[in-house]
Amino acid sequence: MEHIMSEHKKRPLWEKIVVLSVFSLIMSIGFVFFKEDTKSKNEQELLYQLKTLRAGMQIHLKIYNEKPRNLSMLLQKLRDGSSAVKLDWKGFKVTSKGQLLDPFNNPYEYDRETGWVRSSTRGYHEW
C-alpha cells in the first residue's frame, strides 16, 4: 500500500511549469504553421480567381461587346450563358446580395470603366 501511495506523489511546481511551457510552445509553433499554410493557400486561390475573373471579363467583352454592370452579372452570364466558356467558377463565394468574395472573405472590386477586377483585401489590392 505504501508503494502505491508513493507513485501518486504530486509533481513539483517547477516541473508543471516546464511541461506547460513546452506544451504552449509546441501549440504556438503549430498555430503559426497552420496560419501560414492557410495564408499561402488563400494567396494561390486569389491568383487563380483573379485570372479567372479577368479572363471572364475578356470573354464577356468579346461575346456581348460591352463590360458587365457588375461582377455578379459577369458570373451569371458566363456561368449560365455559353457552354463554350470553360471557366471554373466553383470556388467562388457569393454573398446573399450577389457580391463576390475573395479567399480572404473580402469583396472583389470592379472598375466598370476599365474592366479591371481586384481584391479589396489589404496587401493584395495591387495583384
C-alpha atoms as a PDB file:
ATOM      1  CA  MET A   1       0.000   0.000   0.000  1.00  0.00           C
ATOM      2  CA  GLU A   2       2.843   2.327   0.766  1.00  0.00           C
ATOM      3  CA  HIS A   3       4.329   1.680  -2.680  1.00  0.00           C
ATOM      4  CA  ILE A   4       1.052   2.692  -4.403  1.00  0.00           C
ATOM      5  CA  MET A   5       0.850   5.945  -2.445  1.00  0.00           C
ATOM      6  CA  SER A   6       4.412   6.901  -3.377  1.00  0.00           C
ATOM      7  CA  GLU A   7       3.527   6.623  -7.106  1.00  0.00           C
ATOM      8  CA  HIS A   8       0.852   9.311  -6.702  1.00  0.00           C
ATOM      9  CA  LYS A   9       3.149  11.959  -5.297  1.00  0.00           C
ATOM     10  CA  LYS A  10       2.489  15.452  -6.546  1.00  0.00           C
ATOM     11  CA  ARG A  11       4.875  16.795  -9.133  1.00  0.00           C
ATOM     12  CA  PRO A  12       6.892  19.817  -8.101  1.00  0.00           C
ATOM     13  CA  LEU A  13       5.640  23.190  -9.319  1.00  0.00           C
ATOM     14  CA  TRP A  14       8.707  23.809 -11.496  1.00  0.00           C
ATOM     15  CA  GLU A  15       8.080  20.523 -13.322  1.00  0.00           C
ATOM     16  CA  LYS A  16       4.469  21.504 -14.043  1.00  0.00           C
ATOM     17  CA  ILE A  17       5.613  24.903 -15.315  1.00  0.00           C
ATOM     18  CA  VAL A  18       8.190  23.304 -17.635  1.00  0.00           C
ATOM     19  CA  VAL A  19       5.653  20.839 -19.047  1.00  0.00           C
ATOM     20  CA  LEU A  20       3.095  23.591 -19.533  1.00  0.00           C
ATOM     21  CA  SER A  21       5.699  25.860 -21.195  1.00  0.00           C
ATOM     22  CA  VAL A  22       6.808  23.135 -23.612  1.00  0.00           C
ATOM     23  CA  PHE A  23       3.194  22.316 -24.456  1.00  0.00           C
ATOM     24  CA  SER A  24       2.411  26.024 -25.043  1.00  0.00           C
ATOM     25  CA  LEU A  25       5.480  26.420 -27.261  1.00  0.00           C
ATOM     26  CA  ILE A  26       4.530  23.408 -29.365  1.00  0.00           C
ATOM     27  CA  MET A  27       0.952  24.686 -29.749  1.00  0.00           C
ATOM     28  CA  SER A  28       2.184  28.170 -30.725  1.00  0.00           C
ATOM     29  CA  ILE A  29       4.520  26.789 -33.376  1.00  0.00           C
ATOM     30  CA  GLY A  30       1.726  24.603 -34.745  1.00  0.00           C
ATOM     31  CA  PHE A  31      -0.641  27.562 -34.907  1.00  0.00           C
ATOM     32  CA  VAL A  32       1.921  29.688 -36.798  1.00  0.00           C
ATOM     33  CA  PHE A  33       2.495  26.925 -39.353  1.00  0.00           C
ATOM     34  CA  PHE A  34      -1.241  26.377 -39.770  1.00  0.00           C
ATOM     35  CA  LYS A  35      -1.838  30.109 -40.221  1.00  0.00           C
ATOM     36  CA  GLU A  36       0.972  30.414 -42.799  1.00  0.00           C
ATOM     37  CA  ASP A  37      -0.303  27.360 -44.683  1.00  0.00           C
ATOM     38  CA  THR A  38      -3.818  28.827 -44.802  1.00  0.00           C
ATOM     39  CA  LYS A  39      -2.457  32.192 -45.962  1.00  0.00           C
ATOM     40  CA  SER A  40      -0.442  30.500 -48.708  1.00  0.00           C
ATOM     41  CA  LYS A  41      -3.484  28.538 -49.904  1.00  0.00           C
ATOM     42  CA  ASN A  42      -5.598  31.700 -49.889  1.00  0.00           C
ATOM     43  CA  GLU A  43      -2.944  33.538 -51.912  1.00  0.00           C
ATOM     44  CA  GLN A  44      -2.834  30.746 -54.501  1.00  0.00           C
ATOM     45  CA  GLU A  45      -6.632  30.713 -54.694  1.00  0.00           C
ATOM     46  CA  LEU A  46      -6.680  34.510 -55.031  1.00  0.00           C
ATOM     47  CA  LEU A  47      -4.307  34.380 -58.005  1.00  0.00           C
ATOM     48  CA  TYR A  48      -6.418  31.699 -59.647  1.00  0.00           C
ATOM     49  CA  GLN A  49      -9.663  33.589 -59.058  1.00  0.00           C
ATOM     50  CA  LEU A  50      -8.244  36.880 -60.324  1.00  0.00           C
ATOM     51  CA  LYS A  51      -7.053  35.161 -63.511  1.00  0.00           C
ATOM     52  CA  THR A  52     -10.477  33.546 -63.930  1.00  0.00           C
ATOM     53  CA  LEU A  53     -12.358  36.809 -63.352  1.00  0.00           C
ATOM     54  CA  ARG A  54     -10.099  38.765 -65.692  1.00  0.00           C
ATOM     55  CA  ALA A  55     -10.323  36.089 -68.382  1.00  0.00           C
ATOM     56  CA  GLY A  56     -14.093  36.043 -67.899  1.00  0.00           C
ATOM     57  CA  MET A  57     -14.155  39.799 -68.315  1.00  0.00           C
ATOM     58  CA  GLN A  58     -12.352  39.490 -71.662  1.00  0.00           C
ATOM     59  CA  ILE A  59     -14.690  36.717 -72.813  1.00  0.00           C
ATOM     60  CA  HIS A  60     -17.751  38.749 -71.789  1.00  0.00           C
ATOM     61  CA  LEU A  61     -16.420  41.728 -73.716  1.00  0.00           C
ATOM     62  CA  LYS A  62     -15.899  39.579 -76.847  1.00  0.00           C
ATOM     63  CA  ILE A  63     -19.309  37.881 -76.648  1.00  0.00           C
ATOM     64  CA  TYR A  64     -21.504  40.835 -75.629  1.00  0.00           C
ATOM     65  CA  ASN A  65     -19.389  43.777 -76.891  1.00  0.00           C
ATOM     66  CA  GLU A  66     -19.696  45.516 -73.534  1.00  0.00           C
ATOM     67  CA  LYS A  67     -18.431  45.306 -69.991  1.00  0.00           C
ATOM     68  CA  PRO A  68     -20.838  43.843 -67.447  1.00  0.00           C
ATOM     69  CA  ARG A  69     -22.526  46.205 -64.977  1.00  0.00           C
ATOM     70  CA  ASN A  70     -21.063  44.279 -62.048  1.00  0.00           C
ATOM     71  CA  LEU A  71     -19.253  41.069 -61.182  1.00  0.00           C
ATOM     72  CA  SER A  72     -22.468  39.237 -60.349  1.00  0.00           C
ATOM     73  CA  MET A  73     -23.689  39.853 -63.884  1.00  0.00           C
ATOM     74  CA  LEU A  74     -20.381  38.607 -65.266  1.00  0.00           C
ATOM     75  CA  LEU A  75     -20.584  35.454 -63.219  1.00  0.00           C
ATOM     76  CA  GLN A  76     -24.229  34.822 -64.082  1.00  0.00           C
ATOM     77  CA  LYS A  77     -23.890  35.404 -67.833  1.00  0.00           C
ATOM     78  CA  LEU A  78     -20.769  33.299 -68.223  1.00  0.00           C
ATOM     79  CA  ARG A  79     -21.842  30.539 -65.862  1.00  0.00           C
ATOM     80  CA  ASP A  80     -25.330  30.151 -67.318  1.00  0.00           C
ATOM     81  CA  GLY A  81     -24.907  31.537 -70.814  1.00  0.00           C
ATOM     82  CA  SER A  82     -22.439  29.838 -73.074  1.00  0.00           C
ATOM     83  CA  SER A  83     -21.377  26.218 -72.926  1.00  0.00           C
ATOM     84  CA  ALA A  84     -18.320  27.271 -74.930  1.00  0.00           C
ATOM     85  CA  VAL A  85     -16.951  29.158 -71.934  1.00  0.00           C
ATOM     86  CA  LYS A  86     -14.924  26.707 -69.878  1.00  0.00           C
ATOM     87  CA  LEU A  87     -14.072  28.666 -66.745  1.00  0.00           C
ATOM     88  CA  ASP A  88     -14.202  27.073 -63.299  1.00  0.00           C
ATOM     89  CA  TRP A  89     -16.488  29.153 -61.088  1.00  0.00           C
ATOM     90  CA  LYS A  90     -16.941  26.530 -58.338  1.00  0.00           C
ATOM     91  CA  GLY A  91     -14.516  28.048 -55.812  1.00  0.00           C
ATOM     92  CA  PHE A  92     -16.112  31.479 -55.793  1.00  0.00           C
ATOM     93  CA  LYS A  93     -18.026  32.625 -52.730  1.00  0.00           C
ATOM     94  CA  VAL A  94     -21.059  34.812 -53.354  1.00  0.00           C
ATOM     95  CA  THR A  95     -22.949  36.676 -50.626  1.00  0.00           C
ATOM     96  CA  SER A  96     -26.736  36.693 -50.442  1.00  0.00           C
ATOM     97  CA  LYS A  97     -26.590  40.133 -52.094  1.00  0.00           C
ATOM     98  CA  GLY A  98     -24.639  38.693 -55.035  1.00  0.00           C
ATOM     99  CA  GLN A  99     -21.260  40.137 -54.108  1.00  0.00           C
ATOM    100  CA  LEU A 100     -18.224  38.018 -54.969  1.00  0.00           C
ATOM    101  CA  LEU A 101     -15.781  37.417 -52.114  1.00  0.00           C
ATOM    102  CA  ASP A 102     -12.091  36.651 -52.395  1.00  0.00           C
ATOM    103  CA  PRO A 103     -10.498  33.757 -50.448  1.00  0.00           C
ATOM    104  CA  PHE A 104      -9.885  36.146 -47.524  1.00  0.00           C
ATOM    105  CA  ASN A 105     -13.667  36.824 -47.394  1.00  0.00           C
ATOM    106  CA  ASN A 106     -13.382  40.390 -48.640  1.00  0.00           C
ATOM    107  CA  PRO A 107     -15.304  41.624 -51.683  1.00  0.00           C
ATOM    108  CA  TYR A 108     -13.737  41.857 -55.095  1.00  0.00           C
ATOM    109  CA  GLU A 109     -13.727  45.355 -56.542  1.00  0.00           C
ATOM    110  CA  TYR A 110     -14.661  46.052 -60.138  1.00  0.00           C
ATOM    111  CA  ASP A 111     -13.940  49.207 -62.109  1.00  0.00           C
ATOM    112  CA  ARG A 112     -16.536  49.185 -64.862  1.00  0.00           C
ATOM    113  CA  GLU A 113     -14.794  51.950 -66.769  1.00  0.00           C
ATOM    114  CA  THR A 114     -11.550  49.980 -67.196  1.00  0.00           C
ATOM    115  CA  GLY A 115     -12.963  46.482 -66.667  1.00  0.00           C
ATOM    116  CA  TRP A 116     -10.314  45.798 -64.011  1.00  0.00           C
ATOM    117  CA  VAL A 117     -11.031  43.373 -61.180  1.00  0.00           C
ATOM    118  CA  ARG A 118      -9.046  43.369 -57.957  1.00  0.00           C
ATOM    119  CA  SER A 119      -9.216  42.166 -54.388  1.00  0.00           C
ATOM    120  CA  SER A 120     -10.111  44.607 -51.633  1.00  0.00           C
ATOM    121  CA  THR A 121      -8.009  42.660 -49.138  1.00  0.00           C
ATOM    122  CA  ARG A 122      -5.311  44.863 -47.686  1.00  0.00           C
ATOM    123  CA  GLY A 123      -1.926  43.917 -49.098  1.00  0.00           C
ATOM    124  CA  TYR A 124      -3.437  42.157 -52.124  1.00  0.00           C
ATOM    125  CA  HIS A 125      -5.289  45.012 -53.809  1.00  0.00           C
ATOM    126  CA  GLU A 126      -2.459  45.560 -56.313  1.00  0.00           C
ATOM    127  CA  TRP A 127      -2.262  41.957 -57.533  1.00  0.00           C
END
